[in-house]
Amino acid sequence: MTSRPLRADAQRNRARLLDVAVHMFAHDGAEVPLEMIAQQAGVGIGTLYRHFPTREALIEAAYRNELARLCEAATDVLVTSRPEVALREWMARFLTYMTTKRGMADALRAVIASGGNPYEQSRLRLLEAIGVLVRAGVATGTIRADVEPIDILAGLSGVSLAAADPLQGERLLDLLLDGLRYGACPIDRCVRTQRTDQTSPYHSRSPDDLVNAGETLYLG
């Protein structure tokens, strides 16, 4: 039996509760009074408990909501920006998400201690979002094709841990993007490379032969 969809006003209440909960759990800790969250969201405590029967349920829902926002933004930024610009915008959002996640660390540990797993789908969803952005960049020749989403996720995680302040984080993201653009294949160049393979002296030679000979093969 499926649950009935929430009315519009109930959806608004739930969204406000999640927004306030993320902020307060990240800034005030796991034990922030739920009454205070309800008050800041402009609803009664009964409304909070109807949506989230326990503190842990609210924490997990708040975290998953932030994750969903980040992952859904991957397609949103592609609507308004070129793929490489969209990827850079999304990477900045990732750092914001990681800052929030670290702020919620104590609250999320409480969820895990109660038997929950707030991170169950996190890695998969993040890789899918990065994949959307990378494929768009590869298709336009602005992002190199030999990088996997897991590599980018590892790089972003490293930046979030290493950056001493937001400005350094931005600089590190610029360096990461430069690496992702280095060696990217512009569409017209890829097409020309593929069409000239019949006349190339390398056409009948394997990549291993070329490597052994110390030569470079451009694979478009």
Protein backbone atom coordinates (compact mmCIF):
# COMPACT_ATOMS: atom_id res chain seq x y z
CA MET A 1 0.00 0.00 0.00
CA THR A 2 1.49 3.32 -1.08
CA SER A 3 1.29 6.44 1.07
CA ARG A 4 -0.87 9.28 -0.11
CA PRO A 5 0.99 12.30 -1.55
CA LEU A 6 1.32 15.27 0.78
CA ARG A 7 -0.90 18.29 0.31
CA ALA A 8 0.84 21.41 -0.96
CA ASP A 9 0.85 23.03 2.49
CA ALA A 10 2.21 19.86 4.08
CA GLN A 11 4.97 19.73 1.46
CA ARG A 12 5.89 23.34 2.26
CA ASN A 13 5.98 22.57 5.98
CA ARG A 14 8.18 19.55 5.43
CA ALA A 15 10.57 21.51 3.19
CA ARG A 16 10.88 24.31 5.77
CA LEU A 17 11.54 21.80 8.55
CA LEU A 18 14.33 20.17 6.52
CA ASP A 19 15.95 23.51 5.65
CA VAL A 20 15.93 24.66 9.27
CA ALA A 21 17.05 21.26 10.56
CA VAL A 22 20.11 21.18 8.30
CA HIS A 23 21.17 24.63 9.43
CA MET A 24 20.61 24.01 13.13
CA PHE A 25 22.10 20.52 13.27
CA ALA A 26 25.16 21.80 11.39
CA HIS A 27 25.64 24.88 13.57
CA ASP A 28 24.17 23.94 16.95
CA GLY A 29 24.86 20.21 17.19
CA ALA A 30 22.92 16.99 17.33
CA GLU A 31 21.06 17.84 20.54
CA VAL A 32 19.41 21.05 19.38
CA PRO A 33 15.84 21.06 20.79
CA LEU A 34 13.30 19.89 18.22
CA GLU A 35 10.90 22.52 19.56
CA MET A 36 13.38 25.17 18.45
CA ILE A 37 13.55 23.67 14.96
CA ALA A 38 9.76 23.66 14.72
CA GLN A 39 9.58 27.24 15.95
CA GLN A 40 12.17 28.45 13.45
CA ALA A 41 10.29 26.65 10.66
CA GLY A 42 7.05 28.34 11.68
CA VAL A 43 5.19 25.14 12.55
CA GLY A 44 4.07 23.40 15.71
CA ILE A 45 5.97 20.55 17.31
CA GLY A 46 3.08 18.24 16.42
CA THR A 47 3.63 19.00 12.73
CA LEU A 48 7.31 18.15 13.09
CA TYR A 49 6.53 14.80 14.69
CA ARG A 50 3.92 13.96 12.06
CA HIS A 51 6.59 14.24 9.39
CA PHE A 52 9.52 12.92 11.44
CA PRO A 53 8.57 10.67 14.37
CA THR A 54 12.10 10.68 15.85
CA ARG A 55 15.11 12.97 16.01
CA GLU A 56 17.07 10.42 13.97
CA ALA A 57 14.41 10.38 11.27
CA LEU A 58 14.66 14.17 10.96
CA ILE A 59 18.47 14.12 10.83
CA GLU A 60 18.55 11.43 8.15
CA ALA A 61 15.87 13.14 6.06
CA ALA A 62 17.67 16.48 6.33
CA TYR A 63 20.94 14.98 5.16
CA ARG A 64 19.35 13.04 2.31
CA ASN A 65 17.56 16.20 1.21
CA GLU A 66 20.87 18.06 0.93
CA LEU A 67 22.34 15.16 -1.04
CA ALA A 68 19.35 15.14 -3.39
CA ARG A 69 19.66 18.88 -3.99
CA LEU A 70 23.32 18.52 -4.88
CA CYS A 71 22.79 15.60 -7.23
CA GLU A 72 19.77 17.11 -8.96
CA ALA A 73 21.75 20.31 -9.51
CA ALA A 74 23.97 18.45 -12.00
CA THR A 75 21.27 18.62 -14.67
CA ASP A 76 20.14 22.09 -13.61
CA VAL A 77 23.52 23.76 -14.16
CA LEU A 78 23.82 22.17 -17.60
CA VAL A 79 20.66 24.02 -18.69
CA THR A 80 22.25 27.43 -18.18
CA SER A 81 25.99 26.87 -18.61
CA ARG A 82 28.49 25.21 -20.91
CA PRO A 83 29.49 21.75 -19.65
CA GLU A 84 32.89 22.74 -18.31
CA VAL A 85 31.41 25.80 -16.58
CA ALA A 86 28.54 23.69 -15.25
CA LEU A 87 31.02 21.19 -13.82
CA ARG A 88 32.93 23.99 -12.07
CA GLU A 89 29.69 25.38 -10.62
CA TRP A 90 28.67 21.97 -9.40
CA MET A 91 32.06 21.37 -7.79
CA ALA A 92 31.60 24.55 -5.75
CA ARG A 93 28.22 23.24 -4.61
CA PHE A 94 29.92 20.00 -3.62
CA LEU A 95 32.25 21.87 -1.26
CA THR A 96 29.25 23.58 0.34
CA TYR A 97 27.58 20.19 0.75
CA MET A 98 30.71 18.75 2.37
CA THR A 99 30.91 21.68 4.79
CA THR A 100 27.31 21.03 5.81
CA LYS A 101 27.96 17.30 6.12
CA ARG A 102 30.93 17.89 8.42
CA GLY A 103 28.81 20.24 10.53
CA MET A 104 26.20 17.50 10.85
CA ALA A 105 28.79 14.83 11.73
CA ASP A 106 27.66 14.37 15.35
CA ALA A 107 24.01 14.25 14.33
CA LEU A 108 24.72 11.69 11.59
CA ARG A 109 26.71 9.55 14.01
CA ALA A 110 23.64 9.47 16.24
CA VAL A 111 21.63 8.10 13.30
CA ILE A 112 24.22 5.39 12.68
CA ALA A 113 24.27 4.50 16.39
CA SER A 114 20.50 3.99 16.25
CA GLY A 115 20.87 1.50 13.39
CA GLY A 116 20.31 3.84 10.45
CA ASN A 117 22.54 4.26 7.39
CA PRO A 118 22.21 7.81 6.04
CA TYR A 119 25.07 7.23 3.56
CA GLU A 120 23.56 4.15 1.94
CA GLN A 121 23.04 5.72 -1.50
CA SER A 122 25.39 8.70 -1.22
CA ARG A 123 28.35 7.41 -3.22
CA LEU A 124 26.24 5.99 -6.03
CA ARG A 125 24.17 9.17 -6.39
CA LEU A 126 27.24 11.39 -6.39
CA LEU A 127 28.93 9.27 -9.05
CA GLU A 128 25.81 9.40 -11.21
CA ALA A 129 25.66 13.20 -10.92
CA ILE A 130 29.34 13.59 -11.79
CA GLY A 131 28.88 11.20 -14.69
CA VAL A 132 26.14 13.40 -16.16
CA LEU A 133 28.48 16.40 -16.11
CA VAL A 134 31.51 14.53 -17.42
CA ARG A 135 29.63 12.97 -20.32
CA ALA A 136 28.35 16.39 -21.35
CA GLY A 137 31.88 17.78 -21.26
CA VAL A 138 33.36 14.87 -23.20
CA ALA A 139 30.62 15.19 -25.84
CA THR A 140 31.55 18.84 -26.43
CA GLY A 141 35.29 18.24 -26.30
CA THR A 142 35.86 20.35 -23.19
CA ILE A 143 36.53 17.59 -20.65
CA ARG A 144 39.04 14.78 -21.18
CA ALA A 145 37.55 11.37 -21.81
CA ASP A 146 40.00 9.26 -19.81
CA VAL A 147 38.82 10.33 -16.34
CA GLU A 148 36.27 8.34 -14.36
CA PRO A 149 33.65 9.94 -12.06
CA ILE A 150 35.25 8.13 -9.11
CA ASP A 151 38.52 9.98 -9.83
CA ILE A 152 36.75 13.32 -9.72
CA LEU A 153 34.89 12.42 -6.54
CA ALA A 154 38.21 11.49 -4.91
CA GLY A 155 39.71 14.81 -6.03
CA LEU A 156 36.77 16.80 -4.73
CA SER A 157 36.85 14.99 -1.40
CA GLY A 158 40.54 15.80 -1.12
CA VAL A 159 39.93 19.48 -1.86
CA SER A 160 37.20 19.66 0.77
CA LEU A 161 39.56 18.23 3.38
CA ALA A 162 42.68 20.14 2.38
CA ALA A 163 41.31 23.65 1.82
CA ALA A 164 42.14 25.92 4.74
CA ASP A 165 39.47 28.44 3.79
CA PRO A 166 36.84 29.04 1.06
CA LEU A 167 39.22 31.06 -1.12
CA GLN A 168 41.79 28.29 -1.17
CA GLY A 169 39.00 25.84 -1.91
CA GLU A 170 38.06 27.87 -4.99
CA ARG A 171 41.67 27.94 -6.19
CA LEU A 172 42.01 24.20 -5.74
CA LEU A 173 38.81 23.63 -7.70
CA ASP A 174 40.22 25.75 -10.53
CA LEU A 175 43.34 23.58 -10.56
CA LEU A 176 41.25 20.42 -10.58
CA LEU A 177 39.19 21.69 -13.50
CA ASP A 178 42.34 22.64 -15.41
CA GLY A 179 43.48 19.04 -15.06
CA LEU A 180 40.14 17.76 -16.31
CA ARG A 181 40.33 20.02 -19.36
CA TYR A 182 43.96 19.21 -20.20
CA GLY A 183 44.12 17.00 -23.29
CA ALA A 184 40.39 17.23 -24.00
CA CYS A 185 39.53 16.47 -27.61
CA PRO A 186 37.68 19.21 -29.51
CA ILE A 187 34.95 17.71 -31.65
CA ASP A 188 36.34 18.82 -35.02
CA ARG A 189 39.81 17.54 -34.14
CA CYS A 190 38.40 14.15 -33.08
CA VAL A 191 36.55 13.84 -36.38
CA ARG A 192 39.62 14.75 -38.42
CA THR A 193 41.76 12.27 -36.48
CA GLN A 194 39.28 9.47 -37.09
CA ARG A 195 39.00 10.24 -40.84
CA THR A 196 42.73 10.27 -41.48
CA ASP A 197 43.41 6.87 -39.94
CA GLN A 198 43.50 5.13 -43.35
CA THR A 199 46.43 7.25 -44.54
CA SER A 200 48.28 7.26 -41.26
CA PRO A 201 51.52 5.21 -41.07
CA TYR A 202 50.28 4.10 -37.66
CA HIS A 203 46.97 2.67 -38.91
CA SER A 204 48.02 -0.98 -38.90
CA ARG A 205 50.01 -0.78 -35.69
CA SER A 206 48.67 -1.62 -32.24
CA PRO A 207 48.80 0.82 -29.32
CA ASP A 208 51.32 -1.51 -27.66
CA ASP A 209 53.60 -1.23 -30.70
CA LEU A 210 53.43 2.53 -30.54
CA VAL A 211 54.18 2.65 -26.84
CA ASN A 212 57.12 0.30 -27.28
CA ALA A 213 58.48 2.50 -30.06
CA GLY A 214 58.21 5.56 -27.82
CA GLU A 215 55.64 7.14 -30.14
CA THR A 216 52.37 8.86 -29.25
CA LEU A 217 49.00 7.79 -30.55
CA TYR A 218 46.13 10.25 -30.33
CA LEU A 219 42.93 8.37 -29.59
CA GLY A 220 40.00 10.67 -30.36
